[in-house]
Amino acid sequence: MSITIKELADYLGLSIGTISRALHDDPKIAESTRKKVKELASKLEYVPSSLGRGLQSRKSFLLGYLVSNIKDSFYNEILQGIAQEAQRRGYGLLVGVTEDNTASELDQLRFFREKSVDGIIISNYTKETIPTIIKLREAGMPIVICDFETFDVSIPVVVLDEYRAMELLVDYLANLQHKQFAFYYQLNANSMKRYAIVSDLLHQKALPKPYLCNGKAHLIELMSQDDRPTAIISYSDLFAIEAIQTLTEMGIKVPEDVSVTGFDDLLYAQWPPYSLTTIYQPKTRIGELSASSLIDIINTKKQVLPEPIEPQLIIRNSCAEIRK
């Protein structure tokens, strides 16, 4: 059993308050006393009680992280960043994996409250969960949205600058003389946002809106047409790889016949069979900034809206200049 702060105080003949202030380098405590207390604490392997610290500060020093899944490297790396920053700032982390299920989201949010977390980072939620998130926020729970759309612009969001990201992709492909585009997507709000941005950017270049392509069957139908697109902008690296595999099965070569781009720069994007041109998201950094922003809100009680993160275009071998 570990030694308690009371036992340290009894051993040195000091008050518990003096021991506590000495361990926290209170300048009001003589340097010699602070040194003596720290040396004994180290020798006896004293570990401060988080319960006692929480009672004094009225904090649990716990954060909650709500996420739909951690099956791929995208959310794995975000989780890594959140955990690293939480640990660095003296916080523990509870993770709720919900599989995009409203009941699971509500259960995890209730669990977070039961454990008295000091704040919550949310990477995914269903629309049915929004009223509960609103109630939590109204009750004073600090909340940060991480790499996900928000229903309230006043809630801090840590996210990539998606307009700039799509601009980098469109400019790159347009400079390769592509004029017919498709957008290979997943049916969600963020995907539709990216499609709208691409449509706007192409309109600015006097080019037609991209074909909307949802799923393998739709892609096969689209690419069987005579006036098929020469460039496919994919919602994510996963969709880009699915597109490349489908095109290969159809006998369509990438990038000789069609250029394909991804988004996220996951580990497999650089593998030789794909060699994806894509947008790099600093996933671990996004996680770190999310945790840092939340802890700052907890400590200062002030809402700070972070600036969007600058994207980076990674050019590999999945795109080529259009043939004349």
C-alpha atoms as a PDB file:
ATOM      1  CA  MET A   1       0.000   0.000   0.000  1.00  0.00           C
ATOM      2  CA  SER A   2       1.364   3.434  -0.934  1.00  0.00           C
ATOM      3  CA  ILE A   3       2.245   6.019   1.671  1.00  0.00           C
ATOM      4  CA  THR A   4      -0.293   8.785   2.330  1.00  0.00           C
ATOM      5  CA  ILE A   5       0.274  12.524   2.640  1.00  0.00           C
ATOM      6  CA  LYS A   6      -0.720  12.261   6.336  1.00  0.00           C
ATOM      7  CA  GLU A   7       2.026   9.704   6.919  1.00  0.00           C
ATOM      8  CA  LEU A   8       4.513  12.023   5.221  1.00  0.00           C
ATOM      9  CA  ALA A   9       3.372  14.849   7.486  1.00  0.00           C
ATOM     10  CA  ASP A  10       3.621  12.697  10.629  1.00  0.00           C
ATOM     11  CA  TYR A  11       7.066  11.445   9.677  1.00  0.00           C
ATOM     12  CA  LEU A  12       8.433  14.966   9.201  1.00  0.00           C
ATOM     13  CA  GLY A  13       6.440  16.578  11.992  1.00  0.00           C
ATOM     14  CA  LEU A  14       4.751  18.997   9.590  1.00  0.00           C
ATOM     15  CA  SER A  15       1.133  19.784   8.748  1.00  0.00           C
ATOM     16  CA  ILE A  16      -0.589  18.194   5.755  1.00  0.00           C
ATOM     17  CA  GLY A  17      -1.021  21.662   4.268  1.00  0.00           C
ATOM     18  CA  THR A  18       2.714  22.350   4.501  1.00  0.00           C
ATOM     19  CA  ILE A  19       3.501  19.026   2.828  1.00  0.00           C
ATOM     20  CA  SER A  20       1.042  19.748   0.023  1.00  0.00           C
ATOM     21  CA  ARG A  21       2.383  23.261  -0.599  1.00  0.00           C
ATOM     22  CA  ALA A  22       5.972  22.017  -0.510  1.00  0.00           C
ATOM     23  CA  LEU A  23       5.217  19.366  -3.123  1.00  0.00           C
ATOM     24  CA  HIS A  24       3.679  22.080  -5.326  1.00  0.00           C
ATOM     25  CA  ASP A  25       6.710  24.394  -4.929  1.00  0.00           C
ATOM     26  CA  ASP A  26       4.820  27.053  -3.007  1.00  0.00           C
ATOM     27  CA  PRO A  27       7.389  29.882  -2.583  1.00  0.00           C
ATOM     28  CA  LYS A  28       5.952  30.610   0.866  1.00  0.00           C
ATOM     29  CA  ILE A  29       7.490  27.329   2.044  1.00  0.00           C
ATOM     30  CA  ALA A  30      11.219  27.512   2.776  1.00  0.00           C
ATOM     31  CA  GLU A  31      13.395  25.966   0.078  1.00  0.00           C
ATOM     32  CA  SER A  32      15.058  23.670   2.633  1.00  0.00           C
ATOM     33  CA  THR A  33      11.646  22.360   3.718  1.00  0.00           C
ATOM     34  CA  ARG A  34      10.541  21.840   0.105  1.00  0.00           C
ATOM     35  CA  LYS A  35      13.723  19.910  -0.595  1.00  0.00           C
ATOM     36  CA  LYS A  36      13.323  17.739   2.503  1.00  0.00           C
ATOM     37  CA  VAL A  37       9.687  16.938   1.692  1.00  0.00           C
ATOM     38  CA  LYS A  38      10.423  16.087  -1.950  1.00  0.00           C
ATOM     39  CA  GLU A  39      13.376  13.873  -1.086  1.00  0.00           C
ATOM     40  CA  LEU A  40      11.288  11.858   1.389  1.00  0.00           C
ATOM     41  CA  ALA A  41       8.344  11.661  -1.004  1.00  0.00           C
ATOM     42  CA  SER A  42      10.647  10.346  -3.731  1.00  0.00           C
ATOM     43  CA  LYS A  43      12.323   7.860  -1.395  1.00  0.00           C
ATOM     44  CA  LEU A  44       9.004   6.473  -0.162  1.00  0.00           C
ATOM     45  CA  GLU A  45       7.474   6.590  -3.683  1.00  0.00           C
ATOM     46  CA  TYR A  46       4.628   8.855  -2.635  1.00  0.00           C
ATOM     47  CA  VAL A  47       1.910   9.240  -5.289  1.00  0.00           C
ATOM     48  CA  PRO A  48      -0.499  12.202  -4.896  1.00  0.00           C
ATOM     49  CA  SER A  49      -4.145  11.219  -4.600  1.00  0.00           C
ATOM     50  CA  SER A  50      -6.190  12.341  -7.604  1.00  0.00           C
ATOM     51  CA  LEU A  51      -9.267  12.146  -5.361  1.00  0.00           C
ATOM     52  CA  GLY A  52      -7.759  14.609  -2.925  1.00  0.00           C
ATOM     53  CA  ARG A  53      -6.616  16.865  -5.727  1.00  0.00           C
ATOM     54  CA  GLY A  54     -10.082  16.721  -7.234  1.00  0.00           C
ATOM     55  CA  LEU A  55     -11.779  17.584  -3.949  1.00  0.00           C
ATOM     56  CA  GLN A  56      -9.573  20.638  -3.596  1.00  0.00           C
ATOM     57  CA  SER A  57     -10.063  21.881  -7.152  1.00  0.00           C
ATOM     58  CA  ARG A  58     -13.526  20.422  -7.793  1.00  0.00           C
ATOM     59  CA  LYS A  59     -12.118  18.723 -10.866  1.00  0.00           C
ATOM     60  CA  SER A  60     -11.918  15.053 -11.804  1.00  0.00           C
ATOM     61  CA  PHE A  61      -8.936  15.604 -14.141  1.00  0.00           C
ATOM     62  CA  LEU A  62     -10.700  13.317 -16.619  1.00  0.00           C
ATOM     63  CA  LEU A  63     -11.648  14.049 -20.233  1.00  0.00           C
ATOM     64  CA  GLY A  64     -14.204  12.142 -22.304  1.00  0.00           C
ATOM     65  CA  TYR A  65     -13.731  11.363 -25.998  1.00  0.00           C
ATOM     66  CA  LEU A  66     -16.770  10.334 -28.063  1.00  0.00           C
ATOM     67  CA  VAL A  67     -15.903   8.713 -31.410  1.00  0.00           C
ATOM     68  CA  SER A  68     -17.749   6.428 -33.815  1.00  0.00           C
ATOM     69  CA  ASN A  69     -14.877   3.994 -34.403  1.00  0.00           C
ATOM     70  CA  ILE A  70     -11.127   3.581 -34.118  1.00  0.00           C
ATOM     71  CA  LYS A  71     -10.823   0.822 -36.701  1.00  0.00           C
ATOM     72  CA  ASP A  72      -8.756   2.807 -39.204  1.00  0.00           C
ATOM     73  CA  SER A  73      -5.573   4.769 -38.767  1.00  0.00           C
ATOM     74  CA  PHE A  74      -7.378   8.132 -39.051  1.00  0.00           C
ATOM     75  CA  TYR A  75      -9.115   8.045 -35.675  1.00  0.00           C
ATOM     76  CA  ASN A  76      -6.355   5.928 -34.168  1.00  0.00           C
ATOM     77  CA  GLU A  77      -3.939   8.781 -34.774  1.00  0.00           C
ATOM     78  CA  ILE A  78      -6.368  11.433 -33.525  1.00  0.00           C
ATOM     79  CA  LEU A  79      -6.888   9.387 -30.368  1.00  0.00           C
ATOM     80  CA  GLN A  80      -3.112   9.137 -29.993  1.00  0.00           C
ATOM     81  CA  GLY A  81      -2.821  12.929 -30.104  1.00  0.00           C
ATOM     82  CA  ILE A  82      -5.647  13.458 -27.611  1.00  0.00           C
ATOM     83  CA  ALA A  83      -4.172  10.927 -25.193  1.00  0.00           C
ATOM     84  CA  GLN A  84      -0.657  12.383 -25.459  1.00  0.00           C
ATOM     85  CA  GLU A  85      -1.812  15.941 -24.765  1.00  0.00           C
ATOM     86  CA  ALA A  86      -4.151  14.871 -21.953  1.00  0.00           C
ATOM     87  CA  GLN A  87      -1.327  13.012 -20.238  1.00  0.00           C
ATOM     88  CA  ARG A  88       1.052  15.914 -20.732  1.00  0.00           C
ATOM     89  CA  ARG A  89      -1.443  18.267 -19.087  1.00  0.00           C
ATOM     90  CA  GLY A  90      -2.138  15.915 -16.163  1.00  0.00           C
ATOM     91  CA  TYR A  91      -5.479  14.482 -17.333  1.00  0.00           C
ATOM     92  CA  GLY A  92      -6.805  10.977 -17.775  1.00  0.00           C
ATOM     93  CA  LEU A  93      -8.957   9.965 -20.741  1.00  0.00           C
ATOM     94  CA  LEU A  94     -12.191   7.973 -21.069  1.00  0.00           C
ATOM     95  CA  VAL A  95     -13.026   6.828 -24.619  1.00  0.00           C
ATOM     96  CA  GLY A  96     -16.529   5.989 -25.796  1.00  0.00           C
ATOM     97  CA  VAL A  97     -16.720   4.115 -29.133  1.00  0.00           C
ATOM     98  CA  THR A  98     -20.281   4.313 -30.462  1.00  0.00           C
ATOM     99  CA  GLU A  99     -20.400   2.844 -34.013  1.00  0.00           C
ATOM    100  CA  ASP A 100     -22.594   5.792 -35.106  1.00  0.00           C
ATOM    101  CA  ASN A 101     -25.367   4.489 -32.863  1.00  0.00           C
ATOM    102  CA  THR A 102     -27.538   7.046 -31.062  1.00  0.00           C
ATOM    103  CA  ALA A 103     -28.246   4.784 -28.087  1.00  0.00           C
ATOM    104  CA  SER A 104     -24.510   4.138 -27.632  1.00  0.00           C
ATOM    105  CA  GLU A 105     -23.758   7.862 -27.864  1.00  0.00           C
ATOM    106  CA  LEU A 106     -26.335   8.667 -25.191  1.00  0.00           C
ATOM    107  CA  ASP A 107     -25.032   5.844 -22.965  1.00  0.00           C
ATOM    108  CA  GLN A 108     -21.451   7.076 -23.268  1.00  0.00           C
ATOM    109  CA  LEU A 109     -22.388  10.706 -22.589  1.00  0.00           C
ATOM    110  CA  ARG A 110     -24.293   9.571 -19.500  1.00  0.00           C
ATOM    111  CA  PHE A 111     -21.270   7.528 -18.416  1.00  0.00           C
ATOM    112  CA  PHE A 112     -19.010  10.559 -18.870  1.00  0.00           C
ATOM    113  CA  ARG A 113     -21.286  12.579 -16.584  1.00  0.00           C
ATOM    114  CA  GLU A 114     -21.366   9.791 -14.002  1.00  0.00           C
ATOM    115  CA  LYS A 115     -17.577   9.852 -13.954  1.00  0.00           C
ATOM    116  CA  SER A 116     -17.652  13.667 -13.616  1.00  0.00           C
ATOM    117  CA  VAL A 117     -15.416  14.337 -16.615  1.00  0.00           C
ATOM    118  CA  ASP A 118     -14.235  17.946 -16.798  1.00  0.00           C
ATOM    119  CA  GLY A 119     -14.903  18.222 -20.535  1.00  0.00           C
ATOM    120  CA  ILE A 120     -15.772  16.224 -23.646  1.00  0.00           C
ATOM    121  CA  ILE A 121     -14.218  15.969 -27.128  1.00  0.00           C
ATOM    122  CA  ILE A 122     -16.648  14.778 -29.794  1.00  0.00           C
ATOM    123  CA  SER A 123     -15.586  13.411 -33.171  1.00  0.00           C
ATOM    124  CA  ASN A 124     -18.955  12.044 -34.293  1.00  0.00           C
ATOM    125  CA  TYR A 125     -22.590  12.271 -33.315  1.00  0.00           C
ATOM    126  CA  THR A 126     -25.978  11.470 -34.817  1.00  0.00           C
ATOM    127  CA  LYS A 127     -28.569  14.241 -35.142  1.00  0.00           C
ATOM    128  CA  GLU A 128     -30.700  12.543 -32.474  1.00  0.00           C
ATOM    129  CA  THR A 129     -27.906  13.093 -29.935  1.00  0.00           C
ATOM    130  CA  ILE A 130     -27.743  16.865 -30.505  1.00  0.00           C
ATOM    131  CA  PRO A 131     -30.406  17.750 -27.864  1.00  0.00           C
ATOM    132  CA  THR A 132     -28.379  15.903 -25.206  1.00  0.00           C
ATOM    133  CA  ILE A 133     -25.165  17.675 -26.245  1.00  0.00           C
ATOM    134  CA  ILE A 134     -27.012  20.999 -26.014  1.00  0.00           C
ATOM    135  CA  LYS A 135     -28.225  20.167 -22.500  1.00  0.00           C
ATOM    136  CA  LEU A 136     -24.708  19.226 -21.427  1.00  0.00           C
ATOM    137  CA  ARG A 137     -23.353  22.496 -22.774  1.00  0.00           C
ATOM    138  CA  GLU A 138     -26.123  24.530 -21.132  1.00  0.00           C
ATOM    139  CA  ALA A 139     -25.271  22.792 -17.853  1.00  0.00           C
ATOM    140  CA  GLY A 140     -21.701  24.117 -18.178  1.00  0.00           C
ATOM    141  CA  MET A 141     -19.897  21.120 -19.689  1.00  0.00           C
ATOM    142  CA  PRO A 142     -16.925  22.292 -21.831  1.00  0.00           C
ATOM    143  CA  ILE A 143     -17.153  20.695 -25.292  1.00  0.00           C
ATOM    144  CA  VAL A 144     -14.851  20.693 -28.318  1.00  0.00           C
ATOM    145  CA  ILE A 145     -15.719  19.176 -31.702  1.00  0.00           C
ATOM    146  CA  CYS A 146     -12.803  17.354 -33.320  1.00  0.00           C
ATOM    147  CA  ASP A 147     -12.725  16.875 -37.101  1.00  0.00           C
ATOM    148  CA  PHE A 148     -16.502  16.858 -37.492  1.00  0.00           C
ATOM    149  CA  GLU A 149     -19.290  19.219 -38.503  1.00  0.00           C
ATOM    150  CA  THR A 150     -20.841  21.268 -35.708  1.00  0.00           C
ATOM    151  CA  PHE A 151     -24.478  22.166 -35.205  1.00  0.00           C
ATOM    152  CA  ASP A 152     -23.474  25.368 -33.379  1.00  0.00           C
ATOM    153  CA  VAL A 153     -20.783  27.698 -34.723  1.00  0.00           C
ATOM    154  CA  SER A 154     -20.045  28.943 -31.201  1.00  0.00           C
ATOM    155  CA  ILE A 155     -18.700  25.529 -30.190  1.00  0.00           C
ATOM    156  CA  PRO A 156     -14.915  25.293 -30.697  1.00  0.00           C
ATOM    157  CA  VAL A 157     -14.046  23.047 -33.641  1.00  0.00           C
ATOM    158  CA  VAL A 158     -10.596  21.702 -34.457  1.00  0.00           C
ATOM    159  CA  VAL A 159     -10.661  20.876 -38.150  1.00  0.00           C
ATOM    160  CA  LEU A 160      -8.711  21.145 -41.380  1.00  0.00           C
ATOM    161  CA  ASP A 161      -9.365  24.125 -43.643  1.00  0.00           C
ATOM    162  CA  GLU A 162     -11.456  22.118 -46.095  1.00  0.00           C
ATOM    163  CA  TYR A 163     -12.026  24.944 -48.565  1.00  0.00           C
ATOM    164  CA  ARG A 164      -8.285  25.359 -48.950  1.00  0.00           C
ATOM    165  CA  ALA A 165      -7.830  21.579 -49.196  1.00  0.00           C
ATOM    166  CA  MET A 166     -10.317  21.236 -52.051  1.00  0.00           C
ATOM    167  CA  GLU A 167      -8.806  24.307 -53.711  1.00  0.00           C
ATOM    168  CA  LEU A 168      -5.396  22.615 -53.731  1.00  0.00           C
ATOM    169  CA  LEU A 169      -6.871  19.507 -55.380  1.00  0.00           C
ATOM    170  CA  VAL A 170      -8.939  21.372 -57.971  1.00  0.00           C
ATOM    171  CA  ASP A 171      -6.086  23.715 -58.912  1.00  0.00           C
ATOM    172  CA  TYR A 172      -3.682  20.808 -59.289  1.00  0.00           C
ATOM    173  CA  LEU A 173      -6.025  18.818 -61.537  1.00  0.00           C
ATOM    174  CA  ALA A 174      -7.020  21.872 -63.564  1.00  0.00           C
ATOM    175  CA  ASN A 175      -3.337  22.609 -64.189  1.00  0.00           C
ATOM    176  CA  LEU A 176      -3.120  19.064 -65.580  1.00  0.00           C
ATOM    177  CA  GLN A 177      -5.778  20.209 -68.115  1.00  0.00           C
ATOM    178  CA  HIS A 178      -8.674  18.183 -66.653  1.00  0.00           C
ATOM    179  CA  LYS A 179     -12.110  19.619 -67.440  1.00  0.00           C
ATOM    180  CA  GLN A 180     -14.531  16.785 -66.624  1.00  0.00           C
ATOM    181  CA  PHE A 181     -14.647  15.813 -62.943  1.00  0.00           C
ATOM    182  CA  ALA A 182     -16.443  13.309 -60.728  1.00  0.00           C
ATOM    183  CA  PHE A 183     -16.818  13.394 -56.958  1.00  0.00           C
ATOM    184  CA  TYR A 184     -16.794   9.911 -55.398  1.00  0.00           C
ATOM    185  CA  TYR A 185     -18.426  10.285 -52.038  1.00  0.00           C
ATOM    186  CA  GLN A 186     -20.011   8.957 -48.872  1.00  0.00           C
ATOM    187  CA  LEU A 187     -23.506  10.186 -48.038  1.00  0.00           C
ATOM    188  CA  ASN A 188     -22.881  12.463 -45.068  1.00  0.00           C
ATOM    189  CA  ALA A 189     -22.905  16.189 -44.338  1.00  0.00           C
ATOM    190  CA  ASN A 190     -19.143  16.600 -44.565  1.00  0.00           C
ATOM    191  CA  SER A 191     -19.016  14.880 -47.949  1.00  0.00           C
ATOM    192  CA  MET A 192     -21.731  17.183 -49.283  1.00  0.00           C
ATOM    193  CA  LYS A 193     -19.802  20.168 -47.967  1.00  0.00           C
ATOM    194  CA  ARG A 194     -16.708  19.107 -49.922  1.00  0.00           C
ATOM    195  CA  TYR A 195     -18.819  18.513 -53.034  1.00  0.00           C
ATOM    196  CA  ALA A 196     -20.274  22.011 -52.746  1.00  0.00           C
ATOM    197  CA  ILE A 197     -16.781  23.493 -52.421  1.00  0.00           C
ATOM    198  CA  VAL A 198     -15.513  21.593 -55.467  1.00  0.00           C
ATOM    199  CA  SER A 199     -18.576  22.703 -57.461  1.00  0.00           C
ATOM    200  CA  ASP A 200     -17.953  26.330 -56.520  1.00  0.00           C
ATOM    201  CA  LEU A 201     -14.260  26.149 -57.389  1.00  0.00           C
ATOM    202  CA  LEU A 202     -14.977  24.585 -60.783  1.00  0.00           C
ATOM    203  CA  HIS A 203     -17.619  27.221 -61.464  1.00  0.00           C
ATOM    204  CA  GLN A 204     -14.994  29.896 -60.807  1.00  0.00           C
ATOM    205  CA  LYS A 205     -12.895  28.249 -63.535  1.00  0.00           C
ATOM    206  CA  ALA A 206     -15.880  28.137 -65.919  1.00  0.00           C
ATOM    207  CA  LEU A 207     -15.908  24.332 -65.702  1.00  0.00           C
ATOM    208  CA  PRO A 208     -18.997  22.128 -65.200  1.00  0.00           C
ATOM    209  CA  LYS A 209     -19.974  20.781 -61.793  1.00  0.00           C
ATOM    210  CA  PRO A 210     -18.547  17.338 -60.980  1.00  0.00           C
ATOM    211  CA  TYR A 211     -20.636  14.233 -61.455  1.00  0.00           C
ATOM    212  CA  LEU A 212     -21.874  12.947 -58.119  1.00  0.00           C
ATOM    213  CA  CYS A 213     -20.936   9.290 -57.797  1.00  0.00           C
ATOM    214  CA  ASN A 214     -22.126   7.227 -54.818  1.00  0.00           C
ATOM    215  CA  GLY A 215     -20.914   3.639 -54.739  1.00  0.00           C
ATOM    216  CA  LYS A 216     -19.210   1.124 -56.979  1.00  0.00           C
ATOM    217  CA  ALA A 217     -22.232   0.398 -59.206  1.00  0.00           C
ATOM    218  CA  HIS A 218     -22.733   4.093 -59.882  1.00  0.00           C
ATOM    219  CA  LEU A 219     -19.036   4.500 -60.665  1.00  0.00           C
ATOM    220  CA  ILE A 220     -19.123   1.626 -63.164  1.00  0.00           C
ATOM    221  CA  GLU A 221     -22.161   3.177 -64.855  1.00  0.00           C
ATOM    222  CA  LEU A 222     -20.527   6.596 -65.018  1.00  0.00           C
ATOM    223  CA  MET A 223     -17.189   5.364 -66.320  1.00  0.00           C
ATOM    224  CA  SER A 224     -18.900   3.300 -69.040  1.00  0.00           C
ATOM    225  CA  GLN A 225     -20.111   6.482 -70.749  1.00  0.00           C
ATOM    226  CA  ASP A 226     -18.362   7.995 -73.767  1.00  0.00           C
ATOM    227  CA  ASP A 227     -18.058  11.396 -72.080  1.00  0.00           C
ATOM    228  CA  ARG A 228     -16.762   9.995 -68.818  1.00  0.00           C
ATOM    229  CA  PRO A 229     -14.795  12.228 -66.445  1.00  0.00           C
ATOM    230  CA  THR A 230     -11.018  12.275 -66.637  1.00  0.00           C
ATOM    231  CA  ALA A 231     -10.483  13.122 -62.951  1.00  0.00           C
ATOM    232  CA  ILE A 232     -12.088  11.674 -59.830  1.00  0.00           C
ATOM    233  CA  ILE A 233     -11.880  13.587 -56.566  1.00  0.00           C
ATOM    234  CA  SER A 234     -12.622  11.124 -53.776  1.00  0.00           C
ATOM    235  CA  TYR A 235     -14.092  11.929 -50.377  1.00  0.00           C
ATOM    236  CA  SER A 236     -11.325   9.966 -48.633  1.00  0.00           C
ATOM    237  CA  ASP A 237      -8.336   7.738 -49.328  1.00  0.00           C
ATOM    238  CA  LEU A 238     -10.560   4.701 -48.741  1.00  0.00           C
ATOM    239  CA  PHE A 239     -12.954   5.826 -51.475  1.00  0.00           C
ATOM    240  CA  ALA A 240     -10.027   6.644 -53.775  1.00  0.00           C
ATOM    241  CA  ILE A 241      -8.658   3.125 -53.403  1.00  0.00           C
ATOM    242  CA  GLU A 242     -12.101   1.665 -54.050  1.00  0.00           C
ATOM    243  CA  ALA A 243     -12.289   3.807 -57.186  1.00  0.00           C
ATOM    244  CA  ILE A 244      -8.847   2.668 -58.386  1.00  0.00           C
ATOM    245  CA  GLN A 245      -9.724  -0.993 -57.834  1.00  0.00           C
ATOM    246  CA  THR A 246     -13.031  -0.599 -59.681  1.00  0.00           C
ATOM    247  CA  LEU A 247     -11.386   1.209 -62.596  1.00  0.00           C
ATOM    248  CA  THR A 248      -8.698  -1.468 -62.807  1.00  0.00           C
ATOM    249  CA  GLU A 249     -11.378  -4.175 -62.986  1.00  0.00           C
ATOM    250  CA  MET A 250     -12.950  -2.219 -65.864  1.00  0.00           C
ATOM    251  CA  GLY A 251      -9.643  -2.073 -67.736  1.00  0.00           C
ATOM    252  CA  ILE A 252      -9.304   1.678 -67.157  1.00  0.00           C
ATOM    253  CA  LYS A 253      -5.774   2.703 -66.238  1.00  0.00           C
ATOM    254  CA  VAL A 254      -4.850   5.095 -63.426  1.00  0.00           C
ATOM    255  CA  PRO A 255      -3.433   7.645 -64.087  1.00  0.00           C
ATOM    256  CA  GLU A 256      -3.065   7.157 -67.854  1.00  0.00           C
ATOM    257  CA  ASP A 257      -6.826   7.196 -68.525  1.00  0.00           C
ATOM    258  CA  VAL A 258      -8.227   8.704 -65.334  1.00  0.00           C
ATOM    259  CA  SER A 259      -6.627  10.652 -62.473  1.00  0.00           C
ATOM    260  CA  VAL A 260      -7.758   9.874 -58.924  1.00  0.00           C
ATOM    261  CA  THR A 261      -7.183  11.834 -55.712  1.00  0.00           C
ATOM    262  CA  GLY A 262      -7.793  10.960 -52.065  1.00  0.00           C
ATOM    263  CA  PHE A 263      -8.101  12.810 -48.792  1.00  0.00           C
ATOM    264  CA  ASP A 264      -6.447  12.171 -45.365  1.00  0.00           C
ATOM    265  CA  ASP A 265      -3.099  10.605 -46.390  1.00  0.00           C
ATOM    266  CA  LEU A 266      -3.590   7.404 -44.448  1.00  0.00           C
ATOM    267  CA  LEU A 267      -0.736   4.915 -44.234  1.00  0.00           C
ATOM    268  CA  TYR A 268      -1.803   2.860 -47.259  1.00  0.00           C
ATOM    269  CA  ALA A 269      -2.102   5.934 -49.508  1.00  0.00           C
ATOM    270  CA  GLN A 270       1.626   5.725 -50.177  1.00  0.00           C
ATOM    271  CA  TRP A 271       1.658   1.996 -50.986  1.00  0.00           C
ATOM    272  CA  PRO A 272       2.890   1.293 -54.570  1.00  0.00           C
ATOM    273  CA  PRO A 273      -0.395  -0.200 -55.880  1.00  0.00           C
ATOM    274  CA  TYR A 274      -2.135   3.110 -55.108  1.00  0.00           C
ATOM    275  CA  SER A 275       0.513   5.859 -54.736  1.00  0.00           C
ATOM    276  CA  LEU A 276      -2.284   8.340 -54.065  1.00  0.00           C
ATOM    277  CA  THR A 277      -2.135  12.044 -54.627  1.00  0.00           C
ATOM    278  CA  THR A 278      -4.027  13.219 -51.572  1.00  0.00           C
ATOM    279  CA  ILE A 279      -4.506  15.821 -48.855  1.00  0.00           C
ATOM    280  CA  TYR A 280      -2.420  15.324 -45.743  1.00  0.00           C
ATOM    281  CA  GLN A 281      -4.208  15.840 -42.447  1.00  0.00           C
ATOM    282  CA  PRO A 282      -1.912  16.127 -39.378  1.00  0.00           C
ATOM    283  CA  LYS A 283      -4.086  13.698 -37.469  1.00  0.00           C
ATOM    284  CA  THR A 284      -2.045  13.426 -34.277  1.00  0.00           C
ATOM    285  CA  ARG A 285      -1.736  17.215 -34.188  1.00  0.00           C
ATOM    286  CA  ILE A 286      -5.512  17.590 -34.613  1.00  0.00           C
ATOM    287  CA  GLY A 287      -5.964  15.368 -31.569  1.00  0.00           C
ATOM    288  CA  GLU A 288      -3.410  17.326 -29.557  1.00  0.00           C
ATOM    289  CA  LEU A 289      -5.033  20.661 -30.413  1.00  0.00           C
ATOM    290  CA  SER A 290      -8.467  19.307 -29.518  1.00  0.00           C
ATOM    291  CA  ALA A 291      -7.298  18.228 -26.062  1.00  0.00           C
ATOM    292  CA  SER A 292      -5.300  21.413 -25.542  1.00  0.00           C
ATOM    293  CA  SER A 293      -8.263  23.616 -26.527  1.00  0.00           C
ATOM    294  CA  LEU A 294     -10.595  21.726 -24.200  1.00  0.00           C
ATOM    295  CA  ILE A 295      -8.234  21.915 -21.227  1.00  0.00           C
ATOM    296  CA  ASP A 296      -7.718  25.639 -21.826  1.00  0.00           C
ATOM    297  CA  ILE A 297     -11.498  26.132 -21.749  1.00  0.00           C
ATOM    298  CA  ILE A 298     -11.732  24.087 -18.534  1.00  0.00           C
ATOM    299  CA  ASN A 299      -9.029  26.188 -16.880  1.00  0.00           C
ATOM    300  CA  THR A 300     -10.021  29.651 -18.136  1.00  0.00           C
ATOM    301  CA  LYS A 301     -13.807  29.244 -18.534  1.00  0.00           C
ATOM    302  CA  LYS A 302     -13.436  31.083 -21.870  1.00  0.00           C
ATOM    303  CA  GLN A 303     -14.526  29.814 -25.275  1.00  0.00           C
ATOM    304  CA  VAL A 304     -11.763  30.089 -27.860  1.00  0.00           C
ATOM    305  CA  LEU A 305     -12.467  29.226 -31.500  1.00  0.00           C
ATOM    306  CA  PRO A 306      -9.291  27.700 -33.007  1.00  0.00           C
ATOM    307  CA  GLU A 307      -8.145  28.667 -36.498  1.00  0.00           C
ATOM    308  CA  PRO A 308      -8.644  25.953 -39.177  1.00  0.00           C
ATOM    309  CA  ILE A 309      -5.555  23.825 -39.756  1.00  0.00           C
ATOM    310  CA  GLU A 310      -3.631  24.398 -42.999  1.00  0.00           C
ATOM    311  CA  PRO A 311      -3.801  21.377 -45.370  1.00  0.00           C
ATOM    312  CA  GLN A 312      -0.951  20.039 -47.478  1.00  0.00           C
ATOM    313  CA  LEU A 313      -1.179  18.539 -50.962  1.00  0.00           C
ATOM    314  CA  ILE A 314       0.818  15.309 -51.294  1.00  0.00           C
ATOM    315  CA  ILE A 315       1.608  14.601 -54.948  1.00  0.00           C
ATOM    316  CA  ARG A 316       2.252  10.973 -55.893  1.00  0.00           C
ATOM    317  CA  ASN A 317       1.514   8.912 -59.005  1.00  0.00           C
ATOM    318  CA  SER A 318      -2.290   8.631 -59.231  1.00  0.00           C
ATOM    319  CA  CYS A 319      -2.696  11.744 -61.413  1.00  0.00           C
ATOM    320  CA  ALA A 320      -1.366  12.685 -64.840  1.00  0.00           C
ATOM    321  CA  GLU A 321      -1.818  15.419 -67.415  1.00  0.00           C
ATOM    322  CA  ILE A 322      -4.752  14.746 -69.679  1.00  0.00           C
ATOM    323  CA  ARG A 323      -3.950  13.363 -73.114  1.00  0.00           C
ATOM    324  CA  LYS A 324      -4.585  15.759 -75.994  1.00  0.00           C
END
